[in-house]
Amino acid sequence: MTSETTSKNHSDVTKSNTVNADKRPTVLFFSSAFCDPCATARDTLDQVSKLVTQVDYAELDVARHSDEAERAGIVSTPTIVIVAANGDEVFRAQGAPTVNQMLVALAKAVWAPTRTDC
C-alpha cells in the first residue's frame, strides 16, 4: 500500500484525488500507529491486494493526515473506504472487515459504472 490522499465522494478530497487518469478504484485505509485492530485490517488488505490487483491501495495515518481524515469524516481507526473509479464511495467500514467483506465491496467498486461528464 502507498501513502496517497483521497476519501469519500461527497468530500473535496475524493473528487480531487480519487478520480485519476487511470480510472482505477481506490481502497483508503485510515489507520493509527498504536491501533491493534489496524494491524488486523492491514493483514486483511495485504491478502486482498494480492487477489484484486486492478485497485489502488493507500494507507493514511490519521495523525499525519489529519486534514484528509477530517474531510473524509473519519471518527475512528481503522476505517476503510472504497471509492470507485468514477469517484463514488461504494463501501465504508469502521473496524477490521473480513477478506470476504472486502472482496464483495471491491466487486462493487471494480464494476461500478464509469461516470461520463457532458
PDB file of N, CA and C in Angstrom:
ATOM      1  N   MET A   1       0.836  -1.175   0.000  1.00  0.00           N
ATOM      2  CA  MET A   1       0.000   0.000   0.000  1.00  0.00           C
ATOM      3  C   MET A   1       0.880   1.237   0.000  1.00  0.00           C
ATOM      4  N   THR A   2       0.356   2.307  -0.567  1.00  0.00           N
ATOM      5  CA  THR A   2       1.110   3.550  -0.635  1.00  0.00           C
ATOM      6  C   THR A   2       0.423   4.618   0.183  1.00  0.00           C
ATOM      7  N   SER A   3       1.116   5.684   0.468  1.00  0.00           N
ATOM      8  CA  SER A   3       0.519   6.807   1.174  1.00  0.00           C
ATOM      9  C   SER A   3       0.054   7.828   0.165  1.00  0.00           C
ATOM     10  N   GLU A   4      -1.226   7.796  -0.130  1.00  0.00           N
ATOM     11  CA  GLU A   4      -1.845   8.758  -1.018  1.00  0.00           C
ATOM     12  C   GLU A   4      -2.976   9.421  -0.266  1.00  0.00           C
ATOM     13  N   THR A   5      -3.572  10.434  -0.871  1.00  0.00           N
ATOM     14  CA  THR A   5      -4.617  11.163  -0.190  1.00  0.00           C
ATOM     15  C   THR A   5      -5.883  11.167  -1.017  1.00  0.00           C
ATOM     16  N   THR A   6      -6.911  10.489  -0.503  1.00  0.00           N
ATOM     17  CA  THR A   6      -8.234  10.503  -1.114  1.00  0.00           C
ATOM     18  C   THR A   6      -9.253  10.148  -0.065  1.00  0.00           C
ATOM     19  N   SER A   7     -10.527  10.322  -0.365  1.00  0.00           N
ATOM     20  CA  SER A   7     -11.564   9.906   0.569  1.00  0.00           C
ATOM     21  C   SER A   7     -12.892   9.744  -0.120  1.00  0.00           C
ATOM     22  N   LYS A   8     -13.997  10.043   0.564  1.00  0.00           N
ATOM     23  CA  LYS A   8     -15.305   9.697   0.042  1.00  0.00           C
ATOM     24  C   LYS A   8     -15.866  10.711  -0.940  1.00  0.00           C
ATOM     25  N   ASN A   9     -16.880  10.294  -1.683  1.00  0.00           N
ATOM     26  CA  ASN A   9     -17.432  11.060  -2.784  1.00  0.00           C
ATOM     27  C   ASN A   9     -17.879  12.460  -2.404  1.00  0.00           C
ATOM     28  N   HIS A  10     -18.558  12.656  -1.306  1.00  0.00           N
ATOM     29  CA  HIS A  10     -19.092  13.970  -1.009  1.00  0.00           C
ATOM     30  C   HIS A  10     -18.078  14.904  -0.363  1.00  0.00           C
ATOM     31  N   SER A  11     -16.830  14.525  -0.309  1.00  0.00           N
ATOM     32  CA  SER A  11     -15.804  15.433   0.205  1.00  0.00           C
ATOM     33  C   SER A  11     -14.942  15.947  -0.939  1.00  0.00           C
ATOM     34  N   ASP A  12     -14.296  17.061  -0.689  1.00  0.00           N
ATOM     35  CA  ASP A  12     -13.399  17.628  -1.693  1.00  0.00           C
ATOM     36  C   ASP A  12     -12.235  16.694  -1.989  1.00  0.00           C
ATOM     37  N   VAL A  13     -11.789  15.957  -0.991  1.00  0.00           N
ATOM     38  CA  VAL A  13     -10.632  15.085  -1.156  1.00  0.00           C
ATOM     39  C   VAL A  13     -10.906  14.024  -2.212  1.00  0.00           C
ATOM     40  N   THR A  14     -12.052  13.386  -2.160  1.00  0.00           N
ATOM     41  CA  THR A  14     -12.369  12.319  -3.113  1.00  0.00           C
ATOM     42  C   THR A  14     -12.402  12.841  -4.530  1.00  0.00           C
ATOM     43  N   LYS A  15     -13.123  13.872  -4.735  1.00  0.00           N
ATOM     44  CA  LYS A  15     -13.295  14.365  -6.093  1.00  0.00           C
ATOM     45  C   LYS A  15     -11.976  14.822  -6.704  1.00  0.00           C
ATOM     46  N   SER A  16     -11.123  15.408  -5.905  1.00  0.00           N
ATOM     47  CA  SER A  16      -9.888  15.920  -6.473  1.00  0.00           C
ATOM     48  C   SER A  16      -8.834  14.850  -6.686  1.00  0.00           C
ATOM     49  N   ASN A  17      -8.832  13.797  -5.860  1.00  0.00           N
ATOM     50  CA  ASN A  17      -7.725  12.861  -5.929  1.00  0.00           C
ATOM     51  C   ASN A  17      -8.101  11.435  -6.293  1.00  0.00           C
ATOM     52  N   THR A  18      -9.352  11.030  -6.092  1.00  0.00           N
ATOM     53  CA  THR A  18      -9.712   9.644  -6.339  1.00  0.00           C
ATOM     54  C   THR A  18      -9.905   9.364  -7.812  1.00  0.00           C
ATOM     55  N   VAL A  19     -10.537  10.266  -8.529  1.00  0.00           N
ATOM     56  CA  VAL A  19     -10.764  10.050  -9.943  1.00  0.00           C
ATOM     57  C   VAL A  19      -9.469  10.381 -10.659  1.00  0.00           C
ATOM     58  N   ASN A  20      -8.701   9.346 -10.937  1.00  0.00           N
ATOM     59  CA  ASN A  20      -7.389   9.561 -11.529  1.00  0.00           C
ATOM     60  C   ASN A  20      -7.403   9.224 -13.006  1.00  0.00           C
ATOM     61  N   ALA A  21      -6.323   9.519 -13.664  1.00  0.00           N
ATOM     62  CA  ALA A  21      -6.242   9.306 -15.107  1.00  0.00           C
ATOM     63  C   ALA A  21      -6.417   7.841 -15.479  1.00  0.00           C
ATOM     64  N   ASP A  22      -6.015   6.938 -14.596  1.00  0.00           N
ATOM     65  CA  ASP A  22      -6.111   5.510 -14.880  1.00  0.00           C
ATOM     66  C   ASP A  22      -7.499   4.955 -14.638  1.00  0.00           C
ATOM     67  N   LYS A  23      -8.375   5.728 -14.014  1.00  0.00           N
ATOM     68  CA  LYS A  23      -9.750   5.303 -13.725  1.00  0.00           C
ATOM     69  C   LYS A  23      -9.780   4.005 -12.944  1.00  0.00           C
ATOM     70  N   ARG A  24      -8.996   3.935 -11.880  1.00  0.00           N
ATOM     71  CA  ARG A  24      -8.950   2.742 -11.037  1.00  0.00           C
ATOM     72  C   ARG A  24      -9.638   3.023  -9.709  1.00  0.00           C
ATOM     73  N   PRO A  25     -10.356   2.051  -9.181  1.00  0.00           N
ATOM     74  CA  PRO A  25     -10.900   2.202  -7.840  1.00  0.00           C
ATOM     75  C   PRO A  25      -9.763   2.322  -6.826  1.00  0.00           C
ATOM     76  N   THR A  26     -10.074   2.884  -5.663  1.00  0.00           N
ATOM     77  CA  THR A  26      -9.073   3.085  -4.630  1.00  0.00           C
ATOM     78  C   THR A  26      -9.597   2.601  -3.283  1.00  0.00           C
ATOM     79  N   VAL A  27      -8.750   1.887  -2.575  1.00  0.00           N
ATOM     80  CA  VAL A  27      -9.032   1.491  -1.198  1.00  0.00           C
ATOM     81  C   VAL A  27      -8.221   2.412  -0.299  1.00  0.00           C
ATOM     82  N   LEU A  28      -8.921   3.140   0.569  1.00  0.00           N
ATOM     83  CA  LEU A  28      -8.278   4.042   1.518  1.00  0.00           C
ATOM     84  C   LEU A  28      -8.363   3.419   2.895  1.00  0.00           C
ATOM     85  N   PHE A  29      -7.225   3.242   3.507  1.00  0.00           N
ATOM     86  CA  PHE A  29      -7.143   2.630   4.828  1.00  0.00           C
ATOM     87  C   PHE A  29      -6.653   3.689   5.794  1.00  0.00           C
ATOM     88  N   PHE A  30      -7.576   4.233   6.610  1.00  0.00           N
ATOM     89  CA  PHE A  30      -7.231   5.230   7.613  1.00  0.00           C
ATOM     90  C   PHE A  30      -6.841   4.484   8.880  1.00  0.00           C
ATOM     91  N   SER A  31      -5.607   4.696   9.337  1.00  0.00           N
ATOM     92  CA  SER A  31      -5.066   3.928  10.455  1.00  0.00           C
ATOM     93  C   SER A  31      -4.402   4.861  11.463  1.00  0.00           C
ATOM     94  N   SER A  32      -3.985   4.251  12.582  1.00  0.00           N
ATOM     95  CA  SER A  32      -3.179   4.962  13.568  1.00  0.00           C
ATOM     96  C   SER A  32      -2.109   4.005  14.089  1.00  0.00           C
ATOM     97  N   ALA A  33      -1.044   4.564  14.584  1.00  0.00           N
ATOM     98  CA  ALA A  33       0.154   3.794  14.919  1.00  0.00           C
ATOM     99  C   ALA A  33      -0.068   2.735  15.994  1.00  0.00           C
ATOM    100  N   PHE A  34      -0.831   3.035  17.017  1.00  0.00           N
ATOM    101  CA  PHE A  34      -0.952   2.106  18.146  1.00  0.00           C
ATOM    102  C   PHE A  34      -2.329   1.461  18.202  1.00  0.00           C
ATOM    103  N   CYS A  35      -2.837   1.112  17.062  1.00  0.00           N
ATOM    104  CA  CYS A  35      -4.187   0.566  16.937  1.00  0.00           C
ATOM    105  C   CYS A  35      -4.086  -0.932  16.615  1.00  0.00           C
ATOM    106  N   ASP A  36      -4.460  -1.789  17.581  1.00  0.00           N
ATOM    107  CA  ASP A  36      -4.407  -3.238  17.334  1.00  0.00           C
ATOM    108  C   ASP A  36      -5.335  -3.681  16.204  1.00  0.00           C
ATOM    109  N   PRO A  37      -6.582  -3.189  16.145  1.00  0.00           N
ATOM    110  CA  PRO A  37      -7.433  -3.581  15.014  1.00  0.00           C
ATOM    111  C   PRO A  37      -6.870  -3.131  13.662  1.00  0.00           C
ATOM    112  N   CYS A  38      -6.057  -2.069  13.662  1.00  0.00           N
ATOM    113  CA  CYS A  38      -5.429  -1.615  12.414  1.00  0.00           C
ATOM    114  C   CYS A  38      -4.485  -2.684  11.870  1.00  0.00           C
ATOM    115  N   ALA A  39      -3.802  -3.384  12.742  1.00  0.00           N
ATOM    116  CA  ALA A  39      -2.910  -4.459  12.306  1.00  0.00           C
ATOM    117  C   ALA A  39      -3.708  -5.576  11.650  1.00  0.00           C
ATOM    118  N   THR A  40      -4.868  -5.906  12.216  1.00  0.00           N
ATOM    119  CA  THR A  40      -5.739  -6.920  11.620  1.00  0.00           C
ATOM    120  C   THR A  40      -6.242  -6.455  10.258  1.00  0.00           C
ATOM    121  N   ALA A  41      -6.688  -5.204  10.178  1.00  0.00           N
ATOM    122  CA  ALA A  41      -7.174  -4.655   8.906  1.00  0.00           C
ATOM    123  C   ALA A  41      -6.055  -4.631   7.866  1.00  0.00           C
ATOM    124  N   ARG A  42      -4.850  -4.284   8.290  1.00  0.00           N
ATOM    125  CA  ARG A  42      -3.698  -4.255   7.387  1.00  0.00           C
ATOM    126  C   ARG A  42      -3.422  -5.648   6.816  1.00  0.00           C
ATOM    127  N   ASP A  43      -3.497  -6.669   7.660  1.00  0.00           N
ATOM    128  CA  ASP A  43      -3.303  -8.047   7.185  1.00  0.00           C
ATOM    129  C   ASP A  43      -4.376  -8.432   6.163  1.00  0.00           C
ATOM    130  N   THR A  44      -5.618  -8.051   6.451  1.00  0.00           N
ATOM    131  CA  THR A  44      -6.715  -8.331   5.518  1.00  0.00           C
ATOM    132  C   THR A  44      -6.462  -7.644   4.185  1.00  0.00           C
ATOM    133  N   LEU A  45      -6.083  -6.377   4.232  1.00  0.00           N
ATOM    134  CA  LEU A  45      -5.830  -5.640   2.990  1.00  0.00           C
ATOM    135  C   LEU A  45      -4.641  -6.208   2.226  1.00  0.00           C
ATOM    136  N   ASP A  46      -3.632  -6.685   2.927  1.00  0.00           N
ATOM    137  CA  ASP A  46      -2.499  -7.321   2.254  1.00  0.00           C
ATOM    138  C   ASP A  46      -2.968  -8.556   1.483  1.00  0.00           C
ATOM    139  N   GLN A  47      -3.833  -9.360   2.109  1.00  0.00           N
ATOM    140  CA  GLN A  47      -4.364 -10.551   1.437  1.00  0.00           C
ATOM    141  C   GLN A  47      -5.208 -10.154   0.227  1.00  0.00           C
ATOM    142  N   VAL A  48      -6.071  -9.176   0.417  1.00  0.00           N
ATOM    143  CA  VAL A  48      -6.978  -8.738  -0.646  1.00  0.00           C
ATOM    144  C   VAL A  48      -6.197  -8.120  -1.804  1.00  0.00           C
ATOM    145  N   SER A  49      -5.151  -7.360  -1.500  1.00  0.00           N
ATOM    146  CA  SER A  49      -4.384  -6.702  -2.566  1.00  0.00           C
ATOM    147  C   SER A  49      -3.690  -7.709  -3.479  1.00  0.00           C
ATOM    148  N   LYS A  50      -3.429  -8.901  -2.971  1.00  0.00           N
ATOM    149  CA  LYS A  50      -2.839  -9.954  -3.807  1.00  0.00           C
ATOM    150  C   LYS A  50      -3.881 -10.599  -4.707  1.00  0.00           C
ATOM    151  N   LEU A  51      -5.138 -10.549  -4.293  1.00  0.00           N
ATOM    152  CA  LEU A  51      -6.225 -11.143  -5.073  1.00  0.00           C
ATOM    153  C   LEU A  51      -6.834 -10.170  -6.073  1.00  0.00           C
ATOM    154  N   VAL A  52      -6.897  -8.909  -5.705  1.00  0.00           N
ATOM    155  CA  VAL A  52      -7.513  -7.881  -6.549  1.00  0.00           C
ATOM    156  C   VAL A  52      -6.452  -6.834  -6.857  1.00  0.00           C
ATOM    157  N   THR A  53      -5.854  -6.970  -8.025  1.00  0.00           N
ATOM    158  CA  THR A  53      -4.719  -6.105  -8.368  1.00  0.00           C
ATOM    159  C   THR A  53      -5.115  -4.883  -9.189  1.00  0.00           C
ATOM    160  N   GLN A  54      -6.347  -4.821  -9.674  1.00  0.00           N
ATOM    161  CA  GLN A  54      -6.752  -3.690 -10.502  1.00  0.00           C
ATOM    162  C   GLN A  54      -7.310  -2.529  -9.665  1.00  0.00           C
ATOM    163  N   VAL A  55      -6.868  -2.442  -8.423  1.00  0.00           N
ATOM    164  CA  VAL A  55      -7.305  -1.416  -7.483  1.00  0.00           C
ATOM    165  C   VAL A  55      -6.067  -0.789  -6.852  1.00  0.00           C
ATOM    166  N   ASP A  56      -6.125   0.524  -6.610  1.00  0.00           N
ATOM    167  CA  ASP A  56      -5.050   1.197  -5.889  1.00  0.00           C
ATOM    168  C   ASP A  56      -5.334   1.119  -4.395  1.00  0.00           C
ATOM    169  N   TYR A  57      -4.298   0.917  -3.604  1.00  0.00           N
ATOM    170  CA  TYR A  57      -4.412   0.812  -2.156  1.00  0.00           C
ATOM    171  C   TYR A  57      -3.584   1.910  -1.520  1.00  0.00           C
ATOM    172  N   ALA A  58      -4.155   2.605  -0.532  1.00  0.00           N
ATOM    173  CA  ALA A  58      -3.441   3.682   0.147  1.00  0.00           C
ATOM    174  C   ALA A  58      -3.729   3.631   1.635  1.00  0.00           C
ATOM    175  N   GLU A  59      -2.679   3.717   2.437  1.00  0.00           N
ATOM    176  CA  GLU A  59      -2.838   3.793   3.889  1.00  0.00           C
ATOM    177  C   GLU A  59      -2.517   5.203   4.330  1.00  0.00           C
ATOM    178  N   LEU A  60      -3.411   5.780   5.131  1.00  0.00           N
ATOM    179  CA  LEU A  60      -3.240   7.132   5.634  1.00  0.00           C
ATOM    180  C   LEU A  60      -3.270   7.100   7.155  1.00  0.00           C
ATOM    181  N   ASP A  61      -2.162   7.459   7.769  1.00  0.00           N
ATOM    182  CA  ASP A  61      -2.109   7.573   9.225  1.00  0.00           C
ATOM    183  C   ASP A  61      -2.854   8.852   9.602  1.00  0.00           C
ATOM    184  N   VAL A  62      -3.859   8.730  10.465  1.00  0.00           N
ATOM    185  CA  VAL A  62      -4.699   9.884  10.781  1.00  0.00           C
ATOM    186  C   VAL A  62      -3.931  10.988  11.511  1.00  0.00           C
ATOM    187  N   ALA A  63      -2.854  10.651  12.194  1.00  0.00           N
ATOM    188  CA  ALA A  63      -2.052  11.675  12.855  1.00  0.00           C
ATOM    189  C   ALA A  63      -1.294  12.525  11.830  1.00  0.00           C
ATOM    190  N   ARG A  64      -0.766  11.897  10.812  1.00  0.00           N
ATOM    191  CA  ARG A  64      -0.007  12.624   9.776  1.00  0.00           C
ATOM    192  C   ARG A  64      -0.919  13.234   8.721  1.00  0.00           C
ATOM    193  N   HIS A  65      -2.105  12.672   8.531  1.00  0.00           N
ATOM    194  CA  HIS A  65      -3.041  13.140   7.501  1.00  0.00           C
ATOM    195  C   HIS A  65      -4.362  13.561   8.142  1.00  0.00           C
ATOM    196  N   SER A  66      -4.261  14.360   9.198  1.00  0.00           N
ATOM    197  CA  SER A  66      -5.451  14.726   9.963  1.00  0.00           C
ATOM    198  C   SER A  66      -6.458  15.540   9.152  1.00  0.00           C
ATOM    199  N   ASP A  67      -5.994  16.411   8.273  1.00  0.00           N
ATOM    200  CA  ASP A  67      -6.915  17.195   7.444  1.00  0.00           C
ATOM    201  C   ASP A  67      -7.730  16.295   6.527  1.00  0.00           C
ATOM    202  N   GLU A  68      -7.055  15.340   5.886  1.00  0.00           N
ATOM    203  CA  GLU A  68      -7.751  14.421   4.984  1.00  0.00           C
ATOM    204  C   GLU A  68      -8.731  13.538   5.754  1.00  0.00           C
ATOM    205  N   ALA A  69      -8.303  13.084   6.931  1.00  0.00           N
ATOM    206  CA  ALA A  69      -9.178  12.247   7.750  1.00  0.00           C
ATOM    207  C   ALA A  69     -10.419  13.026   8.177  1.00  0.00           C
ATOM    208  N   GLU A  70     -10.239  14.268   8.546  1.00  0.00           N
ATOM    209  CA  GLU A  70     -11.377  15.095   8.946  1.00  0.00           C
ATOM    210  C   GLU A  70     -12.327  15.312   7.775  1.00  0.00           C
ATOM    211  N   ARG A  71     -11.781  15.651   6.597  1.00  0.00           N
ATOM    212  CA  ARG A  71     -12.626  15.861   5.417  1.00  0.00           C
ATOM    213  C   ARG A  71     -13.374  14.589   5.027  1.00  0.00           C
ATOM    214  N   ALA A  72     -12.772  13.441   5.292  1.00  0.00           N
ATOM    215  CA  ALA A  72     -13.401  12.166   4.954  1.00  0.00           C
ATOM    216  C   ALA A  72     -14.383  11.706   6.029  1.00  0.00           C
ATOM    217  N   GLY A  73     -14.458  12.441   7.135  1.00  0.00           N
ATOM    218  CA  GLY A  73     -15.385  12.074   8.190  1.00  0.00           C
ATOM    219  C   GLY A  73     -14.936  10.882   9.008  1.00  0.00           C
ATOM    220  N   ILE A  74     -13.629  10.692   9.131  1.00  0.00           N
ATOM    221  CA  ILE A  74     -13.091   9.563   9.888  1.00  0.00           C
ATOM    222  C   ILE A  74     -13.180   9.887  11.374  1.00  0.00           C
ATOM    223  N   VAL A  75     -13.868   9.011  12.126  1.00  0.00           N
ATOM    224  CA  VAL A  75     -14.036   9.235  13.560  1.00  0.00           C
ATOM    225  C   VAL A  75     -13.337   8.162  14.392  1.00  0.00           C
ATOM    226  N   SER A  76     -12.914   7.075  13.752  1.00  0.00           N
ATOM    227  CA  SER A  76     -12.199   6.028  14.481  1.00  0.00           C
ATOM    228  C   SER A  76     -11.307   5.260  13.512  1.00  0.00           C
ATOM    229  N   THR A  77     -10.324   4.577  14.072  1.00  0.00           N
ATOM    230  CA  THR A  77      -9.455   3.731  13.261  1.00  0.00           C
ATOM    231  C   THR A  77      -9.572   2.305  13.759  1.00  0.00           C
ATOM    232  N   PRO A  78      -9.456   1.362  12.848  1.00  0.00           N
ATOM    233  CA  PRO A  78      -9.297   1.549  11.411  1.00  0.00           C
ATOM    234  C   PRO A  78     -10.634   1.872  10.738  1.00  0.00           C
ATOM    235  N   THR A  79     -10.556   2.654   9.686  1.00  0.00           N
ATOM    236  CA  THR A  79     -11.691   2.873   8.795  1.00  0.00           C
ATOM    237  C   THR A  79     -11.192   2.635   7.386  1.00  0.00           C
ATOM    238  N   ILE A  80     -11.952   1.847   6.645  1.00  0.00           N
ATOM    239  CA  ILE A  80     -11.602   1.547   5.257  1.00  0.00           C
ATOM    240  C   ILE A  80     -12.702   2.113   4.374  1.00  0.00           C
ATOM    241  N   VAL A  81     -12.284   2.875   3.374  1.00  0.00           N
ATOM    242  CA  VAL A  81     -13.203   3.474   2.423  1.00  0.00           C
ATOM    243  C   VAL A  81     -12.801   2.993   1.035  1.00  0.00           C
ATOM    244  N   ILE A  82     -13.784   2.526   0.266  1.00  0.00           N
ATOM    245  CA  ILE A  82     -13.518   2.129  -1.116  1.00  0.00           C
ATOM    246  C   ILE A  82     -14.254   3.097  -2.023  1.00  0.00           C
ATOM    247  N   VAL A  83     -13.495   3.671  -2.957  1.00  0.00           N
ATOM    248  CA  VAL A  83     -14.025   4.643  -3.891  1.00  0.00           C
ATOM    249  C   VAL A  83     -13.889   4.074  -5.300  1.00  0.00           C
ATOM    250  N   ALA A  84     -15.009   4.034  -6.030  1.00  0.00           N
ATOM    251  CA  ALA A  84     -14.991   3.550  -7.405  1.00  0.00           C
ATOM    252  C   ALA A  84     -14.226   4.535  -8.287  1.00  0.00           C
ATOM    253  N   ALA A  85     -13.870   4.093  -9.473  1.00  0.00           N
ATOM    254  CA  ALA A  85     -13.113   4.936 -10.398  1.00  0.00           C
ATOM    255  C   ALA A  85     -13.870   6.213 -10.750  1.00  0.00           C
ATOM    256  N   ASN A  86     -15.201   6.174 -10.681  1.00  0.00           N
ATOM    257  CA  ASN A  86     -15.994   7.360 -11.007  1.00  0.00           C
ATOM    258  C   ASN A  86     -16.085   8.338  -9.842  1.00  0.00           C
ATOM    259  N   GLY A  87     -15.448   8.008  -8.705  1.00  0.00           N
ATOM    260  CA  GLY A  87     -15.422   8.900  -7.556  1.00  0.00           C
ATOM    261  C   GLY A  87     -16.486   8.622  -6.517  1.00  0.00           C
ATOM    262  N   ASP A  88     -17.367   7.669  -6.767  1.00  0.00           N
ATOM    263  CA  ASP A  88     -18.416   7.350  -5.811  1.00  0.00           C
ATOM    264  C   ASP A  88     -17.897   6.421  -4.717  1.00  0.00           C
ATOM    265  N   GLU A  89     -18.215   6.753  -3.468  1.00  0.00           N
ATOM    266  CA  GLU A  89     -17.880   5.863  -2.372  1.00  0.00           C
ATOM    267  C   GLU A  89     -18.840   4.680  -2.426  1.00  0.00           C
ATOM    268  N   VAL A  90     -18.277   3.468  -2.457  1.00  0.00           N
ATOM    269  CA  VAL A  90     -19.121   2.272  -2.553  1.00  0.00           C
ATOM    270  C   VAL A  90     -19.072   1.424  -1.290  1.00  0.00           C
ATOM    271  N   PHE A  91     -18.164   1.743  -0.358  1.00  0.00           N
ATOM    272  CA  PHE A  91     -18.027   0.940   0.848  1.00  0.00           C
ATOM    273  C   PHE A  91     -17.301   1.744   1.906  1.00  0.00           C
ATOM    274  N   ARG A  92     -17.752   1.579   3.141  1.00  0.00           N
ATOM    275  CA  ARG A  92     -17.058   2.191   4.273  1.00  0.00           C
ATOM    276  C   ARG A  92     -17.232   1.255   5.458  1.00  0.00           C
ATOM    277  N   ALA A  93     -16.143   0.944   6.126  1.00  0.00           N
ATOM    278  CA  ALA A  93     -16.197   0.071   7.297  1.00  0.00           C
ATOM    279  C   ALA A  93     -15.324   0.631   8.400  1.00  0.00           C
ATOM    280  N   GLN A  94     -15.904   0.757   9.584  1.00  0.00           N
ATOM    281  CA  GLN A  94     -15.122   1.077  10.763  1.00  0.00           C
ATOM    282  C   GLN A  94     -14.804  -0.248  11.425  1.00  0.00           C
ATOM    283  N   GLY A  95     -13.559  -0.443  11.772  1.00  0.00           N
ATOM    284  CA  GLY A  95     -13.126  -1.719  12.300  1.00  0.00           C
ATOM    285  C   GLY A  95     -12.454  -2.518  11.197  1.00  0.00           C
ATOM    286  N   ALA A  96     -12.143  -3.742  11.501  1.00  0.00           N
ATOM    287  CA  ALA A  96     -11.410  -4.591  10.558  1.00  0.00           C
ATOM    288  C   ALA A  96     -12.375  -5.509   9.814  1.00  0.00           C
ATOM    289  N   PRO A  97     -12.634  -5.246   8.527  1.00  0.00           N
ATOM    290  CA  PRO A  97     -13.521  -6.125   7.762  1.00  0.00           C
ATOM    291  C   PRO A  97     -12.827  -7.446   7.448  1.00  0.00           C
ATOM    292  N   THR A  98     -13.620  -8.434   7.080  1.00  0.00           N
ATOM    293  CA  THR A  98     -13.066  -9.721   6.678  1.00  0.00           C
ATOM    294  C   THR A  98     -12.642  -9.667   5.215  1.00  0.00           C
ATOM    295  N   VAL A  99     -11.885 -10.649   4.796  1.00  0.00           N
ATOM    296  CA  VAL A  99     -11.487 -10.748   3.392  1.00  0.00           C
ATOM    297  C   VAL A  99     -12.735 -10.829   2.516  1.00  0.00           C
ATOM    298  N   ASN A 100     -13.704 -11.651   2.905  1.00  0.00           N
ATOM    299  CA  ASN A 100     -14.926 -11.789   2.103  1.00  0.00           C
ATOM    300  C   ASN A 100     -15.682 -10.472   1.981  1.00  0.00           C
ATOM    301  N   GLN A 101     -15.795  -9.716   3.065  1.00  0.00           N
ATOM    302  CA  GLN A 101     -16.459  -8.416   3.001  1.00  0.00           C
ATOM    303  C   GLN A 101     -15.737  -7.484   2.033  1.00  0.00           C
ATOM    304  N   MET A 102     -14.421  -7.501   2.085  1.00  0.00           N
ATOM    305  CA  MET A 102     -13.640  -6.647   1.191  1.00  0.00           C
ATOM    306  C   MET A 102     -13.810  -7.058  -0.267  1.00  0.00           C
ATOM    307  N   LEU A 103     -13.826  -8.352  -0.526  1.00  0.00           N
ATOM    308  CA  LEU A 103     -13.969  -8.822  -1.908  1.00  0.00           C
ATOM    309  C   LEU A 103     -15.321  -8.431  -2.486  1.00  0.00           C
ATOM    310  N   VAL A 104     -16.382  -8.530  -1.699  1.00  0.00           N
ATOM    311  CA  VAL A 104     -17.709  -8.120  -2.169  1.00  0.00           C
ATOM    312  C   VAL A 104     -17.718  -6.616  -2.438  1.00  0.00           C
ATOM    313  N   ALA A 105     -17.163  -5.838  -1.523  1.00  0.00           N
ATOM    314  CA  ALA A 105     -17.124  -4.389  -1.703  1.00  0.00           C
ATOM    315  C   ALA A 105     -16.278  -4.004  -2.911  1.00  0.00           C
ATOM    316  N   LEU A 106     -15.165  -4.678  -3.109  1.00  0.00           N
ATOM    317  CA  LEU A 106     -14.310  -4.376  -4.261  1.00  0.00           C
ATOM    318  C   LEU A 106     -14.983  -4.749  -5.568  1.00  0.00           C
ATOM    319  N   ALA A 107     -15.787  -5.792  -5.557  1.00  0.00           N
ATOM    320  CA  ALA A 107     -16.531  -6.144  -6.779  1.00  0.00           C
ATOM    321  C   ALA A 107     -17.435  -4.988  -7.178  1.00  0.00           C
ATOM    322  N   LYS A 108     -18.068  -4.350  -6.199  1.00  0.00           N
ATOM    323  CA  LYS A 108     -18.907  -3.186  -6.489  1.00  0.00           C
ATOM    324  C   LYS A 108     -18.084  -2.043  -7.063  1.00  0.00           C
ATOM    325  N   ALA A 109     -16.901  -1.852  -6.537  1.00  0.00           N
ATOM    326  CA  ALA A 109     -16.048  -0.750  -6.991  1.00  0.00           C
ATOM    327  C   ALA A 109     -15.486  -1.006  -8.378  1.00  0.00           C
ATOM    328  N   VAL A 110     -15.048  -2.231  -8.626  1.00  0.00           N
ATOM    329  CA  VAL A 110     -14.428  -2.557  -9.908  1.00  0.00           C
ATOM    330  C   VAL A 110     -15.459  -2.504 -11.030  1.00  0.00           C
ATOM    331  N   TRP A 111     -16.678  -2.953 -10.738  1.00  0.00           N
ATOM    332  CA  TRP A 111     -17.695  -2.998 -11.782  1.00  0.00           C
ATOM    333  C   TRP A 111     -18.679  -1.847 -11.719  1.00  0.00           C
ATOM    334  N   ALA A 112     -18.378  -0.813 -10.930  1.00  0.00           N
ATOM    335  CA  ALA A 112     -19.238   0.355 -10.875  1.00  0.00           C
ATOM    336  C   ALA A 112     -19.194   1.070 -12.224  1.00  0.00           C
ATOM    337  N   PRO A 113     -20.327   1.571 -12.672  1.00  0.00           N
ATOM    338  CA  PRO A 113     -20.331   2.277 -13.966  1.00  0.00           C
ATOM    339  C   PRO A 113     -19.441   3.507 -13.913  1.00  0.00           C
ATOM    340  N   THR A 114     -18.759   3.765 -14.991  1.00  0.00           N
ATOM    341  CA  THR A 114     -17.903   4.941 -15.084  1.00  0.00           C
ATOM    342  C   THR A 114     -18.761   6.136 -15.474  1.00  0.00           C
ATOM    343  N   ARG A 115     -18.664   7.185 -14.699  1.00  0.00           N
ATOM    344  CA  ARG A 115     -19.433   8.391 -14.975  1.00  0.00           C
ATOM    345  C   ARG A 115     -18.819   9.110 -16.173  1.00  0.00           C
ATOM    346  N   THR A 116     -19.665   9.629 -17.044  1.00  0.00           N
ATOM    347  CA  THR A 116     -19.162  10.413 -18.158  1.00  0.00           C
ATOM    348  C   THR A 116     -19.655  11.842 -17.978  1.00  0.00           C
ATOM    349  N   ASP A 117     -18.766  12.782 -18.106  1.00  0.00           N
ATOM    350  CA  ASP A 117     -19.126  14.193 -17.986  1.00  0.00           C
ATOM    351  C   ASP A 117     -19.554  14.716 -19.347  1.00  0.00           C
ATOM    352  N   CYS A 118     -20.615  15.479 -19.356  1.00  0.00           N
ATOM    353  CA  CYS A 118     -21.136  16.037 -20.606  1.00  0.00           C
ATOM    354  C   CYS A 118     -20.482  17.341 -20.923  1.00  0.00           C
TER     355      CYS A 118
END
